[in-house]
Amino acid sequence: MSSNRSGGGCSLIILILLGIYLAYQHFVITPREDAIELQEQIDFWGESTVKYFGTFDCENLNHTEIQTDIEVFFVLFSGKDDKCEINDYIIKDFEQSSKVSPYYSRDIDKANVIVWLDIVSGNVEGKYSNGASAIRNQVELKLIDKHSKAVFRTEIFDAVGSARDEIKRKGGDKRPEHFGRIPYFDIIEFLHSEINTVGNNGYSK
């Protein structure tokens, strides 16, 4: 009898300790990590940018026929089937390009146009021995008027690079294999052309 009581007491103690740990993780560790991540975003992008995109819904944008001249643009990104978000790893090419860097900003307050780069499925370019299709990604570029949050132009760019020669999967997995990198050169050339189009005021920050 005493051994059963002892075992039950140990189990209760373990459950209590586990509950304390989970509560500490939920109420202390996670909020602290979220606060650190938020502060890092603010340090990199600025408070206005983080606040603006905290409520920006890419799935419910309006569309308009009214064109907006690009004065200063901000770049937004979404991976395939992912939510759009501010992302620091894609902006290097825009900041370093002599053609468009004068018109690019991390600060949403300075921008009048948002350039949304959305990765979507493109064309099937072959099949693997296991039956899976090799699909080249595409970048769906949308130009969005910041003030109205309306898409006024869309362009499609094929991703660059080659598919892997072969893939190895277990269990007869025949899901499509997507491949391709963002074609920064083509996108920058397109934006440079848009900025210098007749009718654009060519504003530089």
Protein backbone atom coordinates (compact mmCIF):
# COMPACT_ATOMS: atom_id res chain seq x y z
CA MET A 1 0.00 0.00 0.00
CA SER A 2 2.73 2.46 0.94
CA SER A 3 4.57 1.89 -2.35
CA ASN A 4 1.41 2.69 -4.31
CA ARG A 5 0.90 5.87 -2.32
CA SER A 6 4.55 6.79 -2.86
CA GLY A 7 4.22 6.21 -6.59
CA GLY A 8 1.07 8.28 -6.76
CA GLY A 9 2.74 11.09 -4.83
CA CYS A 10 5.70 11.11 -7.23
CA SER A 11 3.36 11.30 -10.21
CA LEU A 12 1.51 14.22 -8.65
CA ILE A 13 4.78 16.06 -8.01
CA ILE A 14 5.88 15.48 -11.60
CA LEU A 15 2.57 16.81 -12.90
CA ILE A 16 2.82 19.90 -10.68
CA LEU A 17 6.40 20.58 -11.82
CA LEU A 18 5.39 20.07 -15.44
CA GLY A 19 2.50 22.50 -14.98
CA ILE A 20 4.81 25.09 -13.43
CA TYR A 21 7.29 24.69 -16.30
CA LEU A 22 4.60 25.04 -18.98
CA ALA A 23 3.10 28.06 -17.26
CA TYR A 24 6.54 29.69 -16.97
CA GLN A 25 7.22 28.96 -20.64
CA HIS A 26 3.86 30.40 -21.69
CA PHE A 27 3.67 33.46 -19.44
CA VAL A 28 7.36 34.39 -19.11
CA ILE A 29 9.68 32.88 -21.74
CA THR A 30 7.44 33.20 -24.82
CA PRO A 31 6.40 36.84 -24.16
CA ARG A 32 10.05 37.72 -23.49
CA GLU A 33 11.17 36.11 -26.77
CA ASP A 34 8.33 37.83 -28.65
CA ALA A 35 9.32 41.17 -27.14
CA ILE A 36 12.96 40.67 -28.16
CA GLU A 37 11.94 39.73 -31.72
CA LEU A 38 9.64 42.76 -31.94
CA GLN A 39 12.38 45.09 -30.75
CA GLU A 40 14.82 43.64 -33.28
CA GLN A 41 12.28 44.30 -36.05
CA ILE A 42 11.76 47.87 -34.83
CA ASP A 43 15.52 48.46 -34.69
CA PHE A 44 15.88 47.23 -38.29
CA TRP A 45 12.72 48.59 -39.96
CA GLY A 46 11.55 51.38 -37.69
CA GLU A 47 8.47 51.50 -35.49
CA SER A 48 6.15 52.92 -38.17
CA THR A 49 6.98 50.13 -40.63
CA VAL A 50 6.47 47.34 -38.10
CA LYS A 51 3.18 48.86 -36.94
CA TYR A 52 1.90 49.39 -40.51
CA PHE A 53 2.53 45.81 -41.62
CA GLY A 54 1.25 44.38 -38.37
CA THR A 55 -2.25 44.94 -39.75
CA PHE A 56 -1.52 44.72 -43.50
CA ASP A 57 -3.64 41.99 -45.12
CA CYS A 58 -2.34 40.94 -48.53
CA GLU A 59 -5.30 38.66 -49.13
CA ASN A 60 -7.85 41.47 -49.06
CA LEU A 61 -6.34 44.16 -51.24
CA ASN A 62 -8.40 46.29 -53.60
CA HIS A 63 -7.62 46.61 -57.31
CA THR A 64 -7.65 49.78 -59.35
CA GLU A 65 -7.06 50.96 -62.91
CA ILE A 66 -5.54 54.20 -61.61
CA GLN A 67 -1.76 54.09 -61.97
CA THR A 68 0.53 55.49 -59.28
CA ASP A 69 3.91 57.01 -60.14
CA ILE A 70 6.69 55.39 -58.13
CA GLU A 71 8.30 58.01 -55.91
CA VAL A 72 9.75 55.72 -53.25
CA PHE A 73 8.97 52.01 -52.97
CA PHE A 74 8.98 49.46 -50.16
CA VAL A 75 9.48 45.72 -50.82
CA LEU A 76 7.20 43.10 -49.30
CA PHE A 77 7.71 39.35 -49.69
CA SER A 78 5.79 36.11 -49.39
CA GLY A 79 7.12 32.60 -49.92
CA LYS A 80 4.99 30.04 -51.72
CA ASP A 81 1.67 29.59 -49.84
CA ASP A 82 2.95 31.84 -47.04
CA LYS A 83 1.62 35.08 -45.60
CA CYS A 84 3.31 38.23 -46.90
CA GLU A 85 5.73 39.85 -44.47
CA ILE A 86 8.61 42.25 -44.13
CA ASN A 87 11.74 40.22 -44.66
CA ASP A 88 15.30 41.48 -44.43
CA TYR A 89 17.02 38.83 -46.54
CA ILE A 90 15.47 39.93 -49.85
CA ILE A 91 16.24 43.66 -49.65
CA LYS A 92 20.02 43.61 -50.14
CA ASP A 93 19.78 43.67 -53.95
CA PHE A 94 17.47 46.69 -53.90
CA GLU A 95 19.60 48.61 -51.42
CA GLN A 96 22.80 47.93 -53.39
CA SER A 97 21.45 48.55 -56.89
CA SER A 98 22.60 51.88 -58.29
CA LYS A 99 19.52 51.90 -60.55
CA VAL A 100 16.82 51.68 -57.89
CA SER A 101 18.43 52.25 -54.48
CA PRO A 102 17.69 56.02 -54.58
CA TYR A 103 14.00 55.11 -54.77
CA TYR A 104 13.97 52.31 -52.21
CA SER A 105 13.36 52.68 -48.46
CA ARG A 106 12.87 50.46 -45.42
CA ASP A 107 10.72 53.21 -43.93
CA ILE A 108 7.09 52.84 -44.99
CA ASP A 109 6.48 56.50 -44.12
CA LYS A 110 8.77 57.52 -47.01
CA ALA A 111 7.23 55.16 -49.57
CA ASN A 112 4.18 55.74 -51.74
CA VAL A 113 4.27 52.33 -53.49
CA ILE A 114 4.63 48.82 -52.07
CA VAL A 115 6.28 46.21 -54.29
CA TRP A 116 4.94 42.81 -53.25
CA LEU A 117 6.96 39.81 -54.46
CA ASP A 118 4.74 36.73 -54.16
CA ILE A 119 6.20 33.28 -54.98
CA VAL A 120 3.67 31.16 -56.90
CA SER A 121 3.71 27.93 -58.90
CA GLY A 122 4.80 28.22 -62.52
CA ASN A 123 5.21 25.71 -65.33
CA VAL A 124 6.02 21.99 -65.15
CA GLU A 125 9.46 21.49 -66.69
CA GLY A 126 9.92 17.76 -66.25
CA LYS A 127 9.32 14.71 -64.10
CA TYR A 128 11.49 12.70 -61.74
CA SER A 129 11.84 8.95 -61.73
CA ASN A 130 9.49 8.71 -58.74
CA GLY A 131 6.73 10.48 -60.70
CA ALA A 132 7.02 13.89 -59.00
CA SER A 133 6.82 16.94 -61.26
CA ALA A 134 9.56 19.60 -61.36
CA ILE A 135 7.83 22.99 -61.31
CA ARG A 136 9.62 26.28 -61.86
CA ASN A 137 8.40 28.93 -59.45
CA GLN A 138 7.27 32.33 -60.62
CA VAL A 139 7.39 35.70 -58.89
CA GLU A 140 4.10 37.57 -59.09
CA LEU A 141 5.07 41.20 -58.63
CA LYS A 142 2.27 43.49 -57.56
CA LEU A 143 2.55 47.27 -57.40
CA ILE A 144 0.36 48.58 -54.58
CA ASP A 145 -0.60 52.17 -53.86
CA LYS A 146 0.26 52.55 -50.19
CA HIS A 147 -2.49 55.00 -49.30
CA SER A 148 -5.41 53.16 -50.92
CA LYS A 149 -3.86 49.67 -50.49
CA ALA A 150 -4.94 48.93 -54.05
CA VAL A 151 -3.03 46.84 -56.60
CA PHE A 152 -2.61 48.87 -59.78
CA ARG A 153 -0.26 46.62 -61.76
CA THR A 154 0.84 42.96 -61.78
CA GLU A 155 3.82 41.43 -63.59
CA ILE A 156 4.99 37.80 -63.70
CA PHE A 157 8.67 36.78 -63.68
CA ASP A 158 10.02 33.25 -64.05
CA ALA A 159 12.35 32.16 -61.26
CA VAL A 160 15.94 31.50 -62.32
CA GLY A 161 18.11 28.41 -61.87
CA SER A 162 17.80 24.74 -62.72
CA ALA A 163 15.92 21.91 -61.07
CA ARG A 164 17.83 19.17 -59.28
CA ASP A 165 18.73 16.23 -61.50
CA GLU A 166 17.08 13.77 -59.11
CA ILE A 167 15.27 13.73 -55.79
CA LYS A 168 15.02 11.05 -53.12
CA ARG A 169 11.85 10.60 -51.09
CA LYS A 170 10.35 7.89 -48.95
CA GLY A 171 6.95 6.28 -49.08
CA GLY A 172 6.07 7.04 -52.68
CA ASP A 173 5.89 10.79 -52.10
CA LYS A 174 4.96 12.33 -55.47
CA ARG A 175 4.37 15.91 -54.38
CA PRO A 176 5.63 18.47 -56.93
CA GLU A 177 9.21 19.68 -56.44
CA HIS A 178 9.35 23.47 -56.81
CA PHE A 179 12.57 25.21 -57.77
CA GLY A 180 13.98 28.58 -58.76
CA ARG A 181 15.42 31.76 -57.23
CA ILE A 182 14.06 35.31 -57.29
CA PRO A 183 15.18 36.99 -60.57
CA TYR A 184 16.44 40.17 -58.92
CA PHE A 185 18.09 41.48 -62.11
CA ASP A 186 14.86 41.32 -64.15
CA ILE A 187 12.80 42.80 -61.32
CA ILE A 188 15.22 45.68 -60.81
CA GLU A 189 15.24 46.37 -64.57
CA PHE A 190 11.44 46.42 -64.54
CA LEU A 191 11.27 48.81 -61.56
CA HIS A 192 13.95 51.04 -63.09
CA SER A 193 11.90 51.23 -66.29
CA GLU A 194 8.73 52.05 -64.36
CA ILE A 195 10.46 54.78 -62.37
CA ASN A 196 11.76 56.39 -65.55
CA THR A 197 8.53 56.05 -67.52
CA VAL A 198 7.17 59.27 -68.98
CA GLY A 199 4.70 60.68 -66.48
CA ASN A 200 6.61 59.46 -63.46
CA ASN A 201 7.89 62.38 -61.48
CA GLY A 202 11.20 60.64 -60.78
CA TYR A 203 11.23 61.70 -57.13
CA SER A 204 14.34 60.70 -55.21
CA LYS A 205 14.58 60.45 -51.46
